[in-house]
Every structure is written in structure tokens, then in C-alpha cells.
Amino acid sequence: MIQFIALNHQHGNTALKFEQLIKVLRQWLKYYCSIINIQQAYPEADYKQPPEFAELIAGEKIYRKYLNILTDKTQQIYYYDLGQNVPL
């Protein structure tokens, strides 16, 4: 019991920060999916695109990092669901 209290006290702030990160990632995911859909609907081969289309999507590296950590692709298990139909 004392170990649990000590670990909870030590890592309570970390868990709170992680929950906040997940909340931000969920909000970000809506916009990310919209951008991906637009890029897929208007491919470079068919349309002349502005230079912004070639830029990396802000936050995608962080999103992919946590998506990989929070999922088991071999068994299609989401340990912490960021949203359904998540682009991989």
C-alpha cells in the first residue's frame, strides 16, 4: 500500500501531463484527418498544388510516436484510443 502511495505521488504529475497530451492529440486529430482527406482528394498527379501541400503537417511526428506506442498493430488493439479510423 505504501509503495502504491509513493509511486502515485511520484508519478501523479506525469500521468496528468500524459492525459493532457492525449486530450490535445484528440483535438488535433480532427484537423489532421481533414488535411489528409483533402490531400488524398486532390493528388499532386492530378492537380497543381500550392507549396503548403508539400510541407509536413505540424504535430504529425508526435502523433505517430504516441500512436505507435499506444497500439498493437499485430492484434489491432488500441491501448489508449485516440479515435476510430485513425490514419496510420
PDB file of N, CA and C in Angstrom:
ATOM      1  N   MET A   1       0.826  -1.181   0.000  1.00  0.00           N
ATOM      2  CA  MET A   1       0.000   0.000   0.000  1.00  0.00           C
ATOM      3  C   MET A   1       0.879   1.257   0.000  1.00  0.00           C
ATOM      4  N   ILE A   2       1.940   1.219   0.788  1.00  0.00           N
ATOM      5  CA  ILE A   2       2.837   2.372   0.862  1.00  0.00           C
ATOM      6  C   ILE A   2       3.546   2.581  -0.478  1.00  0.00           C
ATOM      7  N   GLN A   3       3.912   1.488  -1.136  1.00  0.00           N
ATOM      8  CA  GLN A   3       4.541   1.605  -2.455  1.00  0.00           C
ATOM      9  C   GLN A   3       3.601   2.284  -3.443  1.00  0.00           C
ATOM     10  N   PHE A   4       2.335   1.893  -3.422  1.00  0.00           N
ATOM     11  CA  PHE A   4       1.357   2.494  -4.325  1.00  0.00           C
ATOM     12  C   PHE A   4       1.231   3.986  -4.069  1.00  0.00           C
ATOM     13  N   ILE A   5       1.135   4.371  -2.823  1.00  0.00           N
ATOM     14  CA  ILE A   5       1.016   5.792  -2.468  1.00  0.00           C
ATOM     15  C   ILE A   5       2.264   6.553  -2.903  1.00  0.00           C
ATOM     16  N   ALA A   6       3.425   5.963  -2.669  1.00  0.00           N
ATOM     17  CA  ALA A   6       4.675   6.621  -3.052  1.00  0.00           C
ATOM     18  C   ALA A   6       4.780   6.760  -4.577  1.00  0.00           C
ATOM     19  N   LEU A   7       4.464   5.704  -5.310  1.00  0.00           N
ATOM     20  CA  LEU A   7       4.520   5.773  -6.772  1.00  0.00           C
ATOM     21  C   LEU A   7       3.468   6.723  -7.329  1.00  0.00           C
ATOM     22  N   ASN A   8       2.290   6.715  -6.736  1.00  0.00           N
ATOM     23  CA  ASN A   8       1.237   7.629  -7.171  1.00  0.00           C
ATOM     24  C   ASN A   8       1.662   9.080  -6.944  1.00  0.00           C
ATOM     25  N   HIS A   9       2.268   9.326  -5.816  1.00  0.00           N
ATOM     26  CA  HIS A   9       2.753  10.677  -5.524  1.00  0.00           C
ATOM     27  C   HIS A   9       3.877  11.073  -6.482  1.00  0.00           C
ATOM     28  N   GLN A  10       4.770  10.143  -6.754  1.00  0.00           N
ATOM     29  CA  GLN A  10       5.926  10.419  -7.614  1.00  0.00           C
ATOM     30  C   GLN A  10       5.508  10.618  -9.071  1.00  0.00           C
ATOM     31  N   HIS A  11       4.554   9.824  -9.563  1.00  0.00           N
ATOM     32  CA  HIS A  11       4.196   9.853 -10.978  1.00  0.00           C
ATOM     33  C   HIS A  11       2.817  10.454 -11.249  1.00  0.00           C
ATOM     34  N   GLY A  12       2.178  10.986 -10.243  1.00  0.00           N
ATOM     35  CA  GLY A  12       0.853  11.593 -10.427  1.00  0.00           C
ATOM     36  C   GLY A  12       0.884  12.741 -11.415  1.00  0.00           C
ATOM     37  N   ASN A  13       1.896  13.590 -11.344  1.00  0.00           N
ATOM     38  CA  ASN A  13       2.021  14.727 -12.256  1.00  0.00           C
ATOM     39  C   ASN A  13       2.276  14.244 -13.680  1.00  0.00           C
ATOM     40  N   THR A  14       3.071  13.186 -13.821  1.00  0.00           N
ATOM     41  CA  THR A  14       3.355  12.629 -15.139  1.00  0.00           C
ATOM     42  C   THR A  14       2.070  12.104 -15.781  1.00  0.00           C
ATOM     43  N   ALA A  15       1.263  11.422 -15.014  1.00  0.00           N
ATOM     44  CA  ALA A  15       0.000  10.892 -15.532  1.00  0.00           C
ATOM     45  C   ALA A  15      -0.930  12.026 -15.953  1.00  0.00           C
ATOM     46  N   LEU A  16      -0.956  13.094 -15.175  1.00  0.00           N
ATOM     47  CA  LEU A  16      -1.790  14.245 -15.506  1.00  0.00           C
ATOM     48  C   LEU A  16      -1.322  14.889 -16.813  1.00  0.00           C
ATOM     49  N   LYS A  17      -0.022  15.053 -16.960  1.00  0.00           N
ATOM     50  CA  LYS A  17       0.532  15.634 -18.190  1.00  0.00           C
ATOM     51  C   LYS A  17       0.234  14.731 -19.395  1.00  0.00           C
ATOM     52  N   PHE A  18       0.304  13.414 -19.192  1.00  0.00           N
ATOM     53  CA  PHE A  18       0.006  12.483 -20.271  1.00  0.00           C
ATOM     54  C   PHE A  18      -1.466  12.590 -20.673  1.00  0.00           C
ATOM     55  N   GLU A  19      -2.350  12.688 -19.709  1.00  0.00           N
ATOM     56  CA  GLU A  19      -3.776  12.860 -20.001  1.00  0.00           C
ATOM     57  C   GLU A  19      -4.014  14.141 -20.795  1.00  0.00           C
ATOM     58  N   GLN A  20      -3.312  15.205 -20.452  1.00  0.00           N
ATOM     59  CA  GLN A  20      -3.443  16.466 -21.188  1.00  0.00           C
ATOM     60  C   GLN A  20      -2.940  16.313 -22.614  1.00  0.00           C
ATOM     61  N   LEU A  21      -1.839  15.591 -22.794  1.00  0.00           N
ATOM     62  CA  LEU A  21      -1.306  15.342 -24.129  1.00  0.00           C
ATOM     63  C   LEU A  21      -2.313  14.574 -24.972  1.00  0.00           C
ATOM     64  N   ILE A  22      -2.910  13.542 -24.416  1.00  0.00           N
ATOM     65  CA  ILE A  22      -3.904  12.747 -25.139  1.00  0.00           C
ATOM     66  C   ILE A  22      -5.100  13.612 -25.518  1.00  0.00           C
ATOM     67  N   LYS A  23      -5.522  14.489 -24.631  1.00  0.00           N
ATOM     68  CA  LYS A  23      -6.640  15.391 -24.916  1.00  0.00           C
ATOM     69  C   LYS A  23      -6.313  16.300 -26.104  1.00  0.00           C
ATOM     70  N   VAL A  24      -5.102  16.846 -26.120  1.00  0.00           N
ATOM     71  CA  VAL A  24      -4.675  17.714 -27.227  1.00  0.00           C
ATOM     72  C   VAL A  24      -4.581  16.901 -28.518  1.00  0.00           C
ATOM     73  N   LEU A  25      -4.051  15.683 -28.451  1.00  0.00           N
ATOM     74  CA  LEU A  25      -3.948  14.839 -29.636  1.00  0.00           C
ATOM     75  C   LEU A  25      -5.324  14.513 -30.210  1.00  0.00           C
ATOM     76  N   ARG A  26      -6.301  14.284 -29.357  1.00  0.00           N
ATOM     77  CA  ARG A  26      -7.661  14.013 -29.844  1.00  0.00           C
ATOM     78  C   ARG A  26      -8.236  15.228 -30.564  1.00  0.00           C
ATOM     79  N   GLN A  27      -8.020  16.420 -30.019  1.00  0.00           N
ATOM     80  CA  GLN A  27      -8.498  17.641 -30.674  1.00  0.00           C
ATOM     81  C   GLN A  27      -7.778  17.827 -32.003  1.00  0.00           C
ATOM     82  N   TRP A  28      -6.494  17.602 -32.017  1.00  0.00           N
ATOM     83  CA  TRP A  28      -5.665  17.770 -33.203  1.00  0.00           C
ATOM     84  C   TRP A  28      -6.057  16.780 -34.291  1.00  0.00           C
ATOM     85  N   LEU A  29      -6.495  15.587 -33.881  1.00  0.00           N
ATOM     86  CA  LEU A  29      -6.797  14.516 -34.817  1.00  0.00           C
ATOM     87  C   LEU A  29      -7.887  14.907 -35.812  1.00  0.00           C
ATOM     88  N   LYS A  30      -8.890  15.675 -35.371  1.00  0.00           N
ATOM     89  CA  LYS A  30      -9.951  16.115 -36.283  1.00  0.00           C
ATOM     90  C   LYS A  30      -9.370  16.881 -37.457  1.00  0.00           C
ATOM     91  N   TYR A  31      -8.501  17.822 -37.158  1.00  0.00           N
ATOM     92  CA  TYR A  31      -7.905  18.659 -38.198  1.00  0.00           C
ATOM     93  C   TYR A  31      -6.932  17.862 -39.063  1.00  0.00           C
ATOM     94  N   TYR A  32      -6.191  16.975 -38.432  1.00  0.00           N
ATOM     95  CA  TYR A  32      -5.254  16.132 -39.164  1.00  0.00           C
ATOM     96  C   TYR A  32      -5.993  15.274 -40.192  1.00  0.00           C
ATOM     97  N   CYS A  33      -7.090  14.654 -39.781  1.00  0.00           N
ATOM     98  CA  CYS A  33      -7.868  13.815 -40.700  1.00  0.00           C
ATOM     99  C   CYS A  33      -8.422  14.647 -41.852  1.00  0.00           C
ATOM    100  N   SER A  34      -8.857  15.866 -41.572  1.00  0.00           N
ATOM    101  CA  SER A  34      -9.357  16.750 -42.633  1.00  0.00           C
ATOM    102  C   SER A  34      -8.259  17.066 -43.644  1.00  0.00           C
ATOM    103  N   ILE A  35      -7.073  17.368 -43.148  1.00  0.00           N
ATOM    104  CA  ILE A  35      -5.944  17.679 -44.036  1.00  0.00           C
ATOM    105  C   ILE A  35      -5.602  16.466 -44.892  1.00  0.00           C
ATOM    106  N   ILE A  36      -5.547  15.288 -44.292  1.00  0.00           N
ATOM    107  CA  ILE A  36      -5.234  14.064 -45.026  1.00  0.00           C
ATOM    108  C   ILE A  36      -6.290  13.810 -46.100  1.00  0.00           C
ATOM    109  N   ASN A  37      -7.560  14.002 -45.758  1.00  0.00           N
ATOM    110  CA  ASN A  37      -8.633  13.793 -46.732  1.00  0.00           C
ATOM    111  C   ASN A  37      -8.516  14.752 -47.910  1.00  0.00           C
ATOM    112  N   ILE A  38      -8.193  16.004 -47.641  1.00  0.00           N
ATOM    113  CA  ILE A  38      -8.023  16.986 -48.712  1.00  0.00           C
ATOM    114  C   ILE A  38      -6.846  16.603 -49.595  1.00  0.00           C
ATOM    115  N   GLN A  39      -5.736  16.214 -48.980  1.00  0.00           N
ATOM    116  CA  GLN A  39      -4.567  15.818 -49.756  1.00  0.00           C
ATOM    117  C   GLN A  39      -4.853  14.591 -50.623  1.00  0.00           C
ATOM    118  N   GLN A  40      -5.642  13.668 -50.120  1.00  0.00           N
ATOM    119  CA  GLN A  40      -5.970  12.477 -50.899  1.00  0.00           C
ATOM    120  C   GLN A  40      -6.981  12.786 -52.001  1.00  0.00           C
ATOM    121  N   ALA A  41      -7.870  13.718 -51.757  1.00  0.00           N
ATOM    122  CA  ALA A  41      -8.877  14.077 -52.753  1.00  0.00           C
ATOM    123  C   ALA A  41      -8.273  14.850 -53.925  1.00  0.00           C
ATOM    124  N   TYR A  42      -7.182  15.552 -53.681  1.00  0.00           N
ATOM    125  CA  TYR A  42      -6.536  16.368 -54.707  1.00  0.00           C
ATOM    126  C   TYR A  42      -5.062  15.974 -54.841  1.00  0.00           C
ATOM    127  N   PRO A  43      -4.791  14.814 -55.427  1.00  0.00           N
ATOM    128  CA  PRO A  43      -3.401  14.346 -55.530  1.00  0.00           C
ATOM    129  C   PRO A  43      -2.563  15.228 -56.454  1.00  0.00           C
ATOM    130  N   GLU A  44      -1.285  15.235 -56.199  1.00  0.00           N
ATOM    131  CA  GLU A  44      -0.341  16.066 -56.961  1.00  0.00           C
ATOM    132  C   GLU A  44      -0.326  15.692 -58.440  1.00  0.00           C
ATOM    133  N   ALA A  45      -0.575  14.426 -58.737  1.00  0.00           N
ATOM    134  CA  ALA A  45      -0.561  13.987 -60.127  1.00  0.00           C
ATOM    135  C   ALA A  45      -1.696  14.611 -60.948  1.00  0.00           C
ATOM    136  N   ASP A  46      -2.804  14.928 -60.282  1.00  0.00           N
ATOM    137  CA  ASP A  46      -3.980  15.448 -60.993  1.00  0.00           C
ATOM    138  C   ASP A  46      -4.165  16.954 -60.870  1.00  0.00           C
ATOM    139  N   TYR A  47      -3.587  17.553 -59.833  1.00  0.00           N
ATOM    140  CA  TYR A  47      -3.830  18.971 -59.559  1.00  0.00           C
ATOM    141  C   TYR A  47      -2.523  19.699 -59.287  1.00  0.00           C
ATOM    142  N   LYS A  48      -2.494  20.950 -59.667  1.00  0.00           N
ATOM    143  CA  LYS A  48      -1.363  21.800 -59.304  1.00  0.00           C
ATOM    144  C   LYS A  48      -1.593  22.236 -57.854  1.00  0.00           C
ATOM    145  N   GLN A  49      -0.632  21.935 -57.002  1.00  0.00           N
ATOM    146  CA  GLN A  49      -0.809  22.187 -55.575  1.00  0.00           C
ATOM    147  C   GLN A  49       0.047  23.359 -55.111  1.00  0.00           C
ATOM    148  N   PRO A  50      -0.436  24.074 -54.106  1.00  0.00           N
ATOM    149  CA  PRO A  50       0.385  25.134 -53.522  1.00  0.00           C
ATOM    150  C   PRO A  50       1.546  24.512 -52.746  1.00  0.00           C
ATOM    151  N   PRO A  51       2.592  25.293 -52.478  1.00  0.00           N
ATOM    152  CA  PRO A  51       3.762  24.749 -51.763  1.00  0.00           C
ATOM    153  C   PRO A  51       3.419  24.196 -50.376  1.00  0.00           C
ATOM    154  N   GLU A  52       2.355  24.684 -49.769  1.00  0.00           N
ATOM    155  CA  GLU A  52       1.973  24.222 -48.425  1.00  0.00           C
ATOM    156  C   GLU A  52       1.622  22.739 -48.408  1.00  0.00           C
ATOM    157  N   PHE A  53       1.177  22.207 -49.553  1.00  0.00           N
ATOM    158  CA  PHE A  53       0.818  20.796 -49.602  1.00  0.00           C
ATOM    159  C   PHE A  53       2.037  19.902 -49.397  1.00  0.00           C
ATOM    160  N   ALA A  54       3.213  20.383 -49.733  1.00  0.00           N
ATOM    161  CA  ALA A  54       4.436  19.590 -49.597  1.00  0.00           C
ATOM    162  C   ALA A  54       5.008  19.638 -48.177  1.00  0.00           C
ATOM    163  N   GLU A  55       4.553  20.595 -47.371  1.00  0.00           N
ATOM    164  CA  GLU A  55       5.071  20.735 -46.015  1.00  0.00           C
ATOM    165  C   GLU A  55       4.545  19.620 -45.117  1.00  0.00           C
ATOM    166  N   LEU A  56       5.344  19.284 -44.123  1.00  0.00           N
ATOM    167  CA  LEU A  56       4.907  18.306 -43.132  1.00  0.00           C
ATOM    168  C   LEU A  56       3.773  18.898 -42.301  1.00  0.00           C
ATOM    169  N   ILE A  57       2.863  18.053 -41.886  1.00  0.00           N
ATOM    170  CA  ILE A  57       1.755  18.504 -41.048  1.00  0.00           C
ATOM    171  C   ILE A  57       2.289  18.684 -39.631  1.00  0.00           C
ATOM    172  N   ALA A  58       2.048  19.853 -39.068  1.00  0.00           N
ATOM    173  CA  ALA A  58       2.536  20.157 -37.717  1.00  0.00           C
ATOM    174  C   ALA A  58       1.979  19.146 -36.713  1.00  0.00           C
ATOM    175  N   GLY A  59       2.859  18.571 -35.916  1.00  0.00           N
ATOM    176  CA  GLY A  59       2.446  17.643 -34.874  1.00  0.00           C
ATOM    177  C   GLY A  59       2.357  16.193 -35.314  1.00  0.00           C
ATOM    178  N   GLU A  60       2.547  15.923 -36.604  1.00  0.00           N
ATOM    179  CA  GLU A  60       2.387  14.549 -37.079  1.00  0.00           C
ATOM    180  C   GLU A  60       3.426  13.608 -36.474  1.00  0.00           C
ATOM    181  N   LYS A  61       4.641  14.091 -36.279  1.00  0.00           N
ATOM    182  CA  LYS A  61       5.697  13.251 -35.704  1.00  0.00           C
ATOM    183  C   LYS A  61       5.318  12.815 -34.285  1.00  0.00           C
ATOM    184  N   ILE A  62       4.824  13.740 -33.491  1.00  0.00           N
ATOM    185  CA  ILE A  62       4.404  13.412 -32.119  1.00  0.00           C
ATOM    186  C   ILE A  62       3.224  12.454 -32.145  1.00  0.00           C
ATOM    187  N   TYR A  63       2.259  12.729 -33.037  1.00  0.00           N
ATOM    188  CA  TYR A  63       1.081  11.872 -33.167  1.00  0.00           C
ATOM    189  C   TYR A  63       1.480  10.441 -33.502  1.00  0.00           C
ATOM    190  N   ARG A  64       2.333  10.279 -34.488  1.00  0.00           N
ATOM    191  CA  ARG A  64       2.748   8.931 -34.895  1.00  0.00           C
ATOM    192  C   ARG A  64       3.538   8.226 -33.789  1.00  0.00           C
ATOM    193  N   LYS A  65       4.344   8.984 -33.069  1.00  0.00           N
ATOM    194  CA  LYS A  65       5.109   8.406 -31.960  1.00  0.00           C
ATOM    195  C   LYS A  65       4.164   7.793 -30.928  1.00  0.00           C
ATOM    196  N   TYR A  66       3.174   8.555 -30.506  1.00  0.00           N
ATOM    197  CA  TYR A  66       2.267   8.055 -29.478  1.00  0.00           C
ATOM    198  C   TYR A  66       1.280   7.046 -30.021  1.00  0.00           C
ATOM    199  N   LEU A  67       0.908   7.154 -31.287  1.00  0.00           N
ATOM    200  CA  LEU A  67       0.028   6.159 -31.881  1.00  0.00           C
ATOM    201  C   LEU A  67       0.723   4.801 -31.901  1.00  0.00           C
ATOM    202  N   ASN A  68       2.008   4.786 -32.250  1.00  0.00           N
ATOM    203  CA  ASN A  68       2.760   3.531 -32.267  1.00  0.00           C
ATOM    204  C   ASN A  68       2.903   2.942 -30.873  1.00  0.00           C
ATOM    205  N   ILE A  69       3.109   3.792 -29.887  1.00  0.00           N
ATOM    206  CA  ILE A  69       3.271   3.319 -28.511  1.00  0.00           C
ATOM    207  C   ILE A  69       1.959   2.783 -27.955  1.00  0.00           C
ATOM    208  N   LEU A  70       0.846   3.411 -28.313  1.00  0.00           N
ATOM    209  CA  LEU A  70      -0.442   3.089 -27.709  1.00  0.00           C
ATOM    210  C   LEU A  70      -1.261   2.067 -28.488  1.00  0.00           C
ATOM    211  N   THR A  71      -0.688   1.465 -29.522  1.00  0.00           N
ATOM    212  CA  THR A  71      -1.408   0.452 -30.279  1.00  0.00           C
ATOM    213  C   THR A  71      -0.545  -0.780 -30.483  1.00  0.00           C
ATOM    214  N   ASP A  72      -1.212  -1.890 -30.660  1.00  0.00           N
ATOM    215  CA  ASP A  72      -0.558  -3.138 -31.031  1.00  0.00           C
ATOM    216  C   ASP A  72      -1.110  -3.508 -32.399  1.00  0.00           C
ATOM    217  N   LYS A  73      -0.360  -3.180 -33.451  1.00  0.00           N
ATOM    218  CA  LYS A  73      -0.847  -3.364 -34.812  1.00  0.00           C
ATOM    219  C   LYS A  73      -1.016  -4.834 -35.176  1.00  0.00           C
ATOM    220  N   THR A  74      -0.259  -5.719 -34.548  1.00  0.00           N
ATOM    221  CA  THR A  74      -0.376  -7.138 -34.888  1.00  0.00           C
ATOM    222  C   THR A  74      -1.725  -7.708 -34.457  1.00  0.00           C
ATOM    223  N   GLN A  75      -2.265  -7.187 -33.356  1.00  0.00           N
ATOM    224  CA  GLN A  75      -3.537  -7.692 -32.853  1.00  0.00           C
ATOM    225  C   GLN A  75      -4.659  -6.656 -32.954  1.00  0.00           C
ATOM    226  N   GLN A  76      -4.360  -5.490 -33.558  1.00  0.00           N
ATOM    227  CA  GLN A  76      -5.341  -4.406 -33.715  1.00  0.00           C
ATOM    228  C   GLN A  76      -5.950  -3.999 -32.375  1.00  0.00           C
ATOM    229  N   ILE A  77      -5.086  -3.871 -31.381  1.00  0.00           N
ATOM    230  CA  ILE A  77      -5.516  -3.454 -30.047  1.00  0.00           C
ATOM    231  C   ILE A  77      -5.095  -2.011 -29.832  1.00  0.00           C
ATOM    232  N   TYR A  78      -6.028  -1.178 -29.381  1.00  0.00           N
ATOM    233  CA  TYR A  78      -5.733   0.203 -29.026  1.00  0.00           C
ATOM    234  C   TYR A  78      -5.690   0.290 -27.511  1.00  0.00           C
ATOM    235  N   TYR A  79      -4.499   0.491 -26.956  1.00  0.00           N
ATOM    236  CA  TYR A  79      -4.372   0.589 -25.510  1.00  0.00           C
ATOM    237  C   TYR A  79      -4.952   1.895 -24.992  1.00  0.00           C
ATOM    238  N   TYR A  80      -4.879   2.918 -25.806  1.00  0.00           N
ATOM    239  CA  TYR A  80      -5.453   4.217 -25.449  1.00  0.00           C
ATOM    240  C   TYR A  80      -6.003   4.789 -26.730  1.00  0.00           C
ATOM    241  N   ASP A  81      -7.303   4.704 -26.909  1.00  0.00           N
ATOM    242  CA  ASP A  81      -7.937   5.037 -28.173  1.00  0.00           C
ATOM    243  C   ASP A  81      -7.873   6.534 -28.459  1.00  0.00           C
ATOM    244  N   LEU A  82      -7.172   6.906 -29.527  1.00  0.00           N
ATOM    245  CA  LEU A  82      -7.112   8.308 -29.941  1.00  0.00           C
ATOM    246  C   LEU A  82      -8.261   8.653 -30.871  1.00  0.00           C
ATOM    247  N   GLY A  83      -8.946   7.676 -31.356  1.00  0.00           N
ATOM    248  CA  GLY A  83     -10.061   7.898 -32.271  1.00  0.00           C
ATOM    249  C   GLY A  83     -10.148   6.753 -33.261  1.00  0.00           C
ATOM    250  N   GLN A  84     -11.348   6.513 -33.754  1.00  0.00           N
ATOM    251  CA  GLN A  84     -11.538   5.444 -34.734  1.00  0.00           C
ATOM    252  C   GLN A  84     -11.103   5.934 -36.110  1.00  0.00           C
ATOM    253  N   ASN A  85     -10.831   5.016 -36.998  1.00  0.00           N
ATOM    254  CA  ASN A  85     -10.387   5.310 -38.360  1.00  0.00           C
ATOM    255  C   ASN A  85      -9.170   6.219 -38.365  1.00  0.00           C
ATOM    256  N   VAL A  86      -8.226   5.888 -37.537  1.00  0.00           N
ATOM    257  CA  VAL A  86      -7.020   6.688 -37.397  1.00  0.00           C
ATOM    258  C   VAL A  86      -6.101   6.406 -38.569  1.00  0.00           C
ATOM    259  N   PRO A  87      -5.655   7.449 -39.302  1.00  0.00           N
ATOM    260  CA  PRO A  87      -4.721   7.225 -40.393  1.00  0.00           C
ATOM    261  C   PRO A  87      -3.376   6.740 -39.864  1.00  0.00           C
ATOM    262  N   LEU A  88      -2.876   5.650 -40.405  1.00  0.00           N
ATOM    263  CA  LEU A  88      -1.583   5.123 -39.956  1.00  0.00           C
ATOM    264  C   LEU A  88      -0.500   5.439 -40.938  1.00  0.00           C
TER     265      LEU A  88
END
